[in-house]
Amino acid sequence: MGLESIIVWLIVGAIAGWLAGMVVKGGGFGLIGDIIVGIIGAVIAGWLLPRLGIFIGGGIVAAIIDAFIGAVILLIILRLIKRA
């Protein structure tokens, strides 16, 4: 994995985490937290969406959408755990 890949992961994670924090109110964790949520969300979506038969496509926009979906799922799960 090259430096460009790492930079793309960080950018996609930051955008997806920030968007997910906006959608799930009270879900923002700051810049570093949003990047982590976005990257973990990308992993969740990368595992879950193909099993559901959902394929967004390729490219940076599809990666952001996938990571956003996964990040929203992650933030909802974290919120449910926090309430319990």
C-alpha atoms as a PDB file:
ATOM      1  CA  MET A   1       0.000   0.000   0.000  1.00  0.00           C
ATOM      2  CA  GLY A   2       1.475   3.286  -1.102  1.00  0.00           C
ATOM      3  CA  LEU A   3       1.320   6.732   0.387  1.00  0.00           C
ATOM      4  CA  GLU A   4      -1.415   7.722  -2.077  1.00  0.00           C
ATOM      5  CA  SER A   5      -3.646   4.884  -0.842  1.00  0.00           C
ATOM      6  CA  ILE A   6      -3.234   5.967   2.758  1.00  0.00           C
ATOM      7  CA  ILE A   7      -4.063   9.570   1.875  1.00  0.00           C
ATOM      8  CA  VAL A   8      -7.177   8.457  -0.032  1.00  0.00           C
ATOM      9  CA  TRP A   9      -8.269   6.321   2.951  1.00  0.00           C
ATOM     10  CA  LEU A  10      -7.869   9.300   5.279  1.00  0.00           C
ATOM     11  CA  ILE A  11      -9.778  11.639   2.968  1.00  0.00           C
ATOM     12  CA  VAL A  12     -12.592   9.150   2.379  1.00  0.00           C
ATOM     13  CA  GLY A  13     -12.745   8.378   6.108  1.00  0.00           C
ATOM     14  CA  ALA A  14     -12.838  12.059   7.053  1.00  0.00           C
ATOM     15  CA  ILE A  15     -15.595  12.905   4.578  1.00  0.00           C
ATOM     16  CA  ALA A  16     -17.693   9.836   5.411  1.00  0.00           C
ATOM     17  CA  GLY A  17     -17.241  10.249   9.172  1.00  0.00           C
ATOM     18  CA  TRP A  18     -18.116  13.932   9.028  1.00  0.00           C
ATOM     19  CA  LEU A  19     -21.227  13.300   6.910  1.00  0.00           C
ATOM     20  CA  ALA A  20     -22.322  10.464   9.196  1.00  0.00           C
ATOM     21  CA  GLY A  21     -21.827  12.716  12.228  1.00  0.00           C
ATOM     22  CA  MET A  22     -24.105  15.281  10.578  1.00  0.00           C
ATOM     23  CA  VAL A  23     -26.811  12.687   9.866  1.00  0.00           C
ATOM     24  CA  VAL A  24     -26.649  10.941  13.240  1.00  0.00           C
ATOM     25  CA  LYS A  25     -26.974  13.870  15.618  1.00  0.00           C
ATOM     26  CA  GLY A  26     -24.552  13.790  18.485  1.00  0.00           C
ATOM     27  CA  GLY A  27     -22.355  11.364  16.578  1.00  0.00           C
ATOM     28  CA  GLY A  28     -19.425  13.619  15.750  1.00  0.00           C
ATOM     29  CA  PHE A  29     -16.103  12.801  17.398  1.00  0.00           C
ATOM     30  CA  GLY A  30     -13.839  15.550  16.058  1.00  0.00           C
ATOM     31  CA  LEU A  31     -11.544  15.264  13.053  1.00  0.00           C
ATOM     32  CA  ILE A  32      -9.510  12.233  14.160  1.00  0.00           C
ATOM     33  CA  GLY A  33     -12.581  10.459  15.526  1.00  0.00           C
ATOM     34  CA  ASP A  34     -14.528  11.122  12.332  1.00  0.00           C
ATOM     35  CA  ILE A  35     -11.676   9.726  10.234  1.00  0.00           C
ATOM     36  CA  ILE A  36     -11.603   6.589  12.374  1.00  0.00           C
ATOM     37  CA  VAL A  37     -15.395   6.229  12.239  1.00  0.00           C
ATOM     38  CA  GLY A  38     -15.299   6.696   8.467  1.00  0.00           C
ATOM     39  CA  ILE A  39     -12.556   4.094   7.966  1.00  0.00           C
ATOM     40  CA  ILE A  40     -14.266   1.578  10.246  1.00  0.00           C
ATOM     41  CA  GLY A  41     -17.516   2.386   8.441  1.00  0.00           C
ATOM     42  CA  ALA A  42     -15.836   1.602   5.129  1.00  0.00           C
ATOM     43  CA  VAL A  43     -14.765  -1.780   6.482  1.00  0.00           C
ATOM     44  CA  ILE A  44     -18.292  -2.470   7.776  1.00  0.00           C
ATOM     45  CA  ALA A  45     -19.873  -1.458   4.475  1.00  0.00           C
ATOM     46  CA  GLY A  46     -17.269  -3.409   2.508  1.00  0.00           C
ATOM     47  CA  TRP A  47     -18.285  -6.526   4.388  1.00  0.00           C
ATOM     48  CA  LEU A  48     -22.045  -5.955   4.767  1.00  0.00           C
ATOM     49  CA  LEU A  49     -23.222  -4.409   1.493  1.00  0.00           C
ATOM     50  CA  PRO A  50     -22.037  -7.200  -0.850  1.00  0.00           C
ATOM     51  CA  ARG A  51     -23.741  -9.750   1.410  1.00  0.00           C
ATOM     52  CA  LEU A  52     -26.972  -7.801   1.008  1.00  0.00           C
ATOM     53  CA  GLY A  53     -26.502  -7.698  -2.764  1.00  0.00           C
ATOM     54  CA  ILE A  54     -25.849  -3.942  -2.839  1.00  0.00           C
ATOM     55  CA  PHE A  55     -23.085  -2.776  -5.172  1.00  0.00           C
ATOM     56  CA  ILE A  56     -22.511   0.991  -5.394  1.00  0.00           C
ATOM     57  CA  GLY A  57     -19.789   0.901  -8.043  1.00  0.00           C
ATOM     58  CA  GLY A  58     -16.179   1.957  -8.280  1.00  0.00           C
ATOM     59  CA  GLY A  59     -14.325   5.203  -7.817  1.00  0.00           C
ATOM     60  CA  ILE A  60     -13.882   7.738  -5.072  1.00  0.00           C
ATOM     61  CA  VAL A  61     -17.546   8.792  -4.903  1.00  0.00           C
ATOM     62  CA  ALA A  62     -18.673   5.174  -4.476  1.00  0.00           C
ATOM     63  CA  ALA A  63     -16.026   4.700  -1.772  1.00  0.00           C
ATOM     64  CA  ILE A  64     -17.326   7.748   0.103  1.00  0.00           C
ATOM     65  CA  ILE A  65     -20.930   6.521  -0.196  1.00  0.00           C
ATOM     66  CA  ASP A  66     -19.958   3.041   1.037  1.00  0.00           C
ATOM     67  CA  ALA A  67     -17.970   4.450   3.940  1.00  0.00           C
ATOM     68  CA  PHE A  68     -20.795   6.857   4.780  1.00  0.00           C
ATOM     69  CA  ILE A  69     -23.340   4.028   4.941  1.00  0.00           C
ATOM     70  CA  GLY A  70     -21.029   1.979   7.149  1.00  0.00           C
ATOM     71  CA  ALA A  71     -20.238   4.962   9.367  1.00  0.00           C
ATOM     72  CA  VAL A  72     -23.935   5.698   9.902  1.00  0.00           C
ATOM     73  CA  ILE A  73     -24.477   2.058  10.870  1.00  0.00           C
ATOM     74  CA  LEU A  74     -21.519   2.245  13.253  1.00  0.00           C
ATOM     75  CA  LEU A  75     -22.721   5.484  14.877  1.00  0.00           C
ATOM     76  CA  ILE A  76     -26.227   4.080  15.372  1.00  0.00           C
ATOM     77  CA  ILE A  77     -24.780   0.958  17.006  1.00  0.00           C
ATOM     78  CA  LEU A  78     -22.522   3.092  19.229  1.00  0.00           C
ATOM     79  CA  ARG A  79     -25.492   5.239  20.239  1.00  0.00           C
ATOM     80  CA  LEU A  80     -27.548   2.143  21.131  1.00  0.00           C
ATOM     81  CA  ILE A  81     -24.679   0.741  23.214  1.00  0.00           C
ATOM     82  CA  LYS A  82     -24.176   4.092  24.930  1.00  0.00           C
ATOM     83  CA  ARG A  83     -27.845   4.226  25.983  1.00  0.00           C
ATOM     84  CA  ALA A  84     -27.783   0.723  27.470  1.00  0.00           C
END
